């Protein structure tokens, strides 16, 4: 879903839906890739 460009939603501190920006989605993709490299050996 991160790479597909689909708008992703998360809940903010107030319990309201918040869409991830393109920059946030990119950060999540980088973090996920790092986690995979570190933990899936």
PDB file of N, CA and C in Angstrom:
ATOM      1  N   UNK A   1       0.826  -1.201   0.000  1.00  0.00           N
ATOM      2  CA  UNK A   1       0.000   0.000   0.000  1.00  0.00           C
ATOM      3  C   UNK A   1       0.866   1.260   0.000  1.00  0.00           C
ATOM      4  N   UNK A   2       2.011   1.206   0.667  1.00  0.00           N
ATOM      5  CA  UNK A   2       2.862   2.396   0.706  1.00  0.00           C
ATOM      6  C   UNK A   2       3.369   2.762  -0.681  1.00  0.00           C
ATOM      7  N   UNK A   3       3.750   1.767  -1.461  1.00  0.00           N
ATOM      8  CA  UNK A   3       4.300   2.028  -2.790  1.00  0.00           C
ATOM      9  C   UNK A   3       3.223   2.293  -3.832  1.00  0.00           C
ATOM     10  N   UNK A   4       1.998   1.876  -3.566  1.00  0.00           N
ATOM     11  CA  UNK A   4       0.923   1.998  -4.552  1.00  0.00           C
ATOM     12  C   UNK A   4       0.409   3.417  -4.716  1.00  0.00           C
ATOM     13  N   UNK A   5       0.749   4.302  -3.807  1.00  0.00           N
ATOM     14  CA  UNK A   5       0.281   5.679  -3.907  1.00  0.00           C
ATOM     15  C   UNK A   5      -1.128   5.883  -3.381  1.00  0.00           C
ATOM     16  N   UNK A   6      -1.677   4.850  -2.760  1.00  0.00           N
ATOM     17  CA  UNK A   6      -3.009   4.960  -2.170  1.00  0.00           C
ATOM     18  C   UNK A   6      -2.923   5.870  -0.952  1.00  0.00           C
ATOM     19  N   UNK A   7      -3.889   6.757  -0.801  1.00  0.00           N
ATOM     20  CA  UNK A   7      -3.902   7.658   0.349  1.00  0.00           C
ATOM     21  C   UNK A   7      -4.105   6.836   1.610  1.00  0.00           C
ATOM     22  N   UNK A   8      -3.188   6.957   2.545  1.00  0.00           N
ATOM     23  CA  UNK A   8      -3.257   6.212   3.795  1.00  0.00           C
ATOM     24  C   UNK A   8      -3.733   7.117   4.919  1.00  0.00           C
ATOM     25  N   UNK A   9      -4.501   6.533   5.818  1.00  0.00           N
ATOM     26  CA  UNK A   9      -5.084   7.277   6.924  1.00  0.00           C
ATOM     27  C   UNK A   9      -4.581   6.694   8.230  1.00  0.00           C
ATOM     28  N   UNK A  10      -4.309   7.572   9.184  1.00  0.00           N
ATOM     29  CA  UNK A  10      -4.004   7.134  10.541  1.00  0.00           C
ATOM     30  C   UNK A  10      -4.813   7.996  11.500  1.00  0.00           C
ATOM     31  N   UNK A  11      -4.918   7.537  12.716  1.00  0.00           N
ATOM     32  CA  UNK A  11      -5.648   8.295  13.724  1.00  0.00           C
ATOM     33  C   UNK A  11      -4.681   9.223  14.439  1.00  0.00           C
ATOM     34  N   UNK A  12      -5.065  10.492  14.579  1.00  0.00           N
ATOM     35  CA  UNK A  12      -4.198  11.439  15.276  1.00  0.00           C
ATOM     36  C   UNK A  12      -4.466  11.386  16.775  1.00  0.00           C
ATOM     37  N   UNK A  13      -3.818  12.243  17.537  1.00  0.00           N
ATOM     38  CA  UNK A  13      -3.930  12.234  18.997  1.00  0.00           C
ATOM     39  C   UNK A  13      -5.354  12.499  19.472  1.00  0.00           C
ATOM     40  N   UNK A  14      -6.147  13.188  18.651  1.00  0.00           N
ATOM     41  CA  UNK A  14      -7.533  13.496  19.019  1.00  0.00           C
ATOM     42  C   UNK A  14      -8.507  12.423  18.565  1.00  0.00           C
ATOM     43  N   UNK A  15      -7.997  11.340  17.991  1.00  0.00           N
ATOM     44  CA  UNK A  15      -8.854  10.271  17.512  1.00  0.00           C
ATOM     45  C   UNK A  15      -9.485  10.574  16.164  1.00  0.00           C
ATOM     46  N   UNK A  16      -8.985  11.594  15.485  1.00  0.00           N
ATOM     47  CA  UNK A  16      -9.522  11.957  14.178  1.00  0.00           C
ATOM     48  C   UNK A  16      -8.636  11.379  13.085  1.00  0.00           C
ATOM     49  N   UNK A  17      -9.256  11.117  11.937  1.00  0.00           N
ATOM     50  CA  UNK A  17      -8.505  10.585  10.804  1.00  0.00           C
ATOM     51  C   UNK A  17      -7.600  11.657  10.222  1.00  0.00           C
ATOM     52  N   UNK A  18      -6.391  11.249   9.887  1.00  0.00           N
ATOM     53  CA  UNK A  18      -5.405  12.154   9.300  1.00  0.00           C
ATOM     54  C   UNK A  18      -4.735  11.420   8.143  1.00  0.00           C
ATOM     55  N   UNK A  19      -4.717  12.040   6.968  1.00  0.00           N
ATOM     56  CA  UNK A  19      -4.086  11.423   5.808  1.00  0.00           C
ATOM     57  C   UNK A  19      -2.584  11.638   5.853  1.00  0.00           C
ATOM     58  N   UNK A  20      -1.827  10.612   5.481  1.00  0.00           N
ATOM     59  CA  UNK A  20      -0.375  10.734   5.409  1.00  0.00           C
ATOM     60  C   UNK A  20      -0.002  11.564   4.185  1.00  0.00           C
ATOM     61  N   UNK A  21       0.940  12.460   4.366  1.00  0.00           N
ATOM     62  CA  UNK A  21       1.450  13.234   3.235  1.00  0.00           C
ATOM     63  C   UNK A  21       2.388  12.347   2.423  1.00  0.00           C
ATOM     64  N   UNK A  22       2.750  12.807   1.250  1.00  0.00           N
ATOM     65  CA  UNK A  22       3.700  12.054   0.431  1.00  0.00           C
ATOM     66  C   UNK A  22       5.025  11.892   1.161  1.00  0.00           C
ATOM     67  N   UNK A  23       5.458  12.927   1.865  1.00  0.00           N
ATOM     68  CA  UNK A  23       6.719  12.862   2.614  1.00  0.00           C
ATOM     69  C   UNK A  23       6.625  11.838   3.743  1.00  0.00           C
ATOM     70  N   UNK A  24       5.505  11.813   4.452  1.00  0.00           N
ATOM     71  CA  UNK A  24       5.326  10.842   5.534  1.00  0.00           C
ATOM     72  C   UNK A  24       5.311   9.420   4.984  1.00  0.00           C
ATOM     73  N   UNK A  25       4.636   9.233   3.849  1.00  0.00           N
ATOM     74  CA  UNK A  25       4.576   7.910   3.238  1.00  0.00           C
ATOM     75  C   UNK A  25       5.978   7.463   2.825  1.00  0.00           C
ATOM     76  N   UNK A  26       6.767   8.376   2.266  1.00  0.00           N
ATOM     77  CA  UNK A  26       8.143   8.063   1.874  1.00  0.00           C
ATOM     78  C   UNK A  26       8.968   7.662   3.097  1.00  0.00           C
ATOM     79  N   UNK A  27       8.809   8.390   4.205  1.00  0.00           N
ATOM     80  CA  UNK A  27       9.528   8.061   5.438  1.00  0.00           C
ATOM     81  C   UNK A  27       9.153   6.668   5.929  1.00  0.00           C
ATOM     82  N   UNK A  28       7.885   6.329   5.847  1.00  0.00           N
ATOM     83  CA  UNK A  28       7.426   5.005   6.286  1.00  0.00           C
ATOM     84  C   UNK A  28       8.005   3.906   5.403  1.00  0.00           C
ATOM     85  N   UNK A  29       8.106   4.172   4.094  1.00  0.00           N
ATOM     86  CA  UNK A  29       8.688   3.177   3.189  1.00  0.00           C
ATOM     87  C   UNK A  29      10.156   2.940   3.520  1.00  0.00           C
ATOM     88  N   UNK A  30      10.895   4.019   3.774  1.00  0.00           N
ATOM     89  CA  UNK A  30      12.312   3.899   4.124  1.00  0.00           C
ATOM     90  C   UNK A  30      12.461   3.116   5.426  1.00  0.00           C
ATOM     91  N   UNK A  31      11.660   3.443   6.426  1.00  0.00           N
ATOM     92  CA  UNK A  31      11.717   2.757   7.724  1.00  0.00           C
ATOM     93  C   UNK A  31      11.373   1.275   7.573  1.00  0.00           C
ATOM     94  N   UNK A  32      10.347   0.971   6.793  1.00  0.00           N
ATOM     95  CA  UNK A  32       9.954  -0.423   6.585  1.00  0.00           C
ATOM     96  C   UNK A  32      11.075  -1.198   5.905  1.00  0.00           C
ATOM     97  N   UNK A  33      11.714  -0.595   4.920  1.00  0.00           N
ATOM     98  CA  UNK A  33      12.818  -1.249   4.219  1.00  0.00           C
ATOM     99  C   UNK A  33      13.991  -1.502   5.166  1.00  0.00           C
ATOM    100  N   UNK A  34      14.287  -0.534   6.034  1.00  0.00           N
ATOM    101  CA  UNK A  34      15.356  -0.710   7.018  1.00  0.00           C
ATOM    102  C   UNK A  34      15.020  -1.845   7.981  1.00  0.00           C
ATOM    103  N   UNK A  35      13.776  -1.881   8.447  1.00  0.00           N
ATOM    104  CA  UNK A  35      13.350  -2.939   9.367  1.00  0.00           C
ATOM    105  C   UNK A  35      13.477  -4.312   8.716  1.00  0.00           C
ATOM    106  N   UNK A  36      13.110  -4.402   7.444  1.00  0.00           N
ATOM    107  CA  UNK A  36      13.215  -5.673   6.724  1.00  0.00           C
ATOM    108  C   UNK A  36      14.670  -6.108   6.634  1.00  0.00           C
ATOM    109  N   UNK A  37      15.550  -5.189   6.272  1.00  0.00           N
ATOM    110  CA  UNK A  37      16.968  -5.529   6.136  1.00  0.00           C
ATOM    111  C   UNK A  37      17.580  -5.953   7.464  1.00  0.00           C
ATOM    112  N   UNK A  38      17.163  -5.329   8.556  1.00  0.00           N
ATOM    113  CA  UNK A  38      17.725  -5.647   9.868  1.00  0.00           C
ATOM    114  C   UNK A  38      17.172  -6.935  10.460  1.00  0.00           C
ATOM    115  N   UNK A  39      15.909  -7.237  10.195  1.00  0.00           N
ATOM    116  CA  UNK A  39      15.247  -8.329  10.901  1.00  0.00           C
ATOM    117  C   UNK A  39      14.963  -9.572  10.068  1.00  0.00           C
ATOM    118  N   UNK A  40      15.104  -9.489   8.778  1.00  0.00           N
ATOM    119  CA  UNK A  40      14.767 -10.629   7.914  1.00  0.00           C
ATOM    120  C   UNK A  40      16.021 -11.159   7.234  1.00  0.00           C
ATOM    121  N   UNK A  41      16.863 -11.786   8.023  1.00  0.00           N
ATOM    122  CA  UNK A  41      18.116 -12.331   7.480  1.00  0.00           C
ATOM    123  C   UNK A  41      18.086 -13.824   7.496  1.00  0.00           C
TER     124      UNK A  41
END
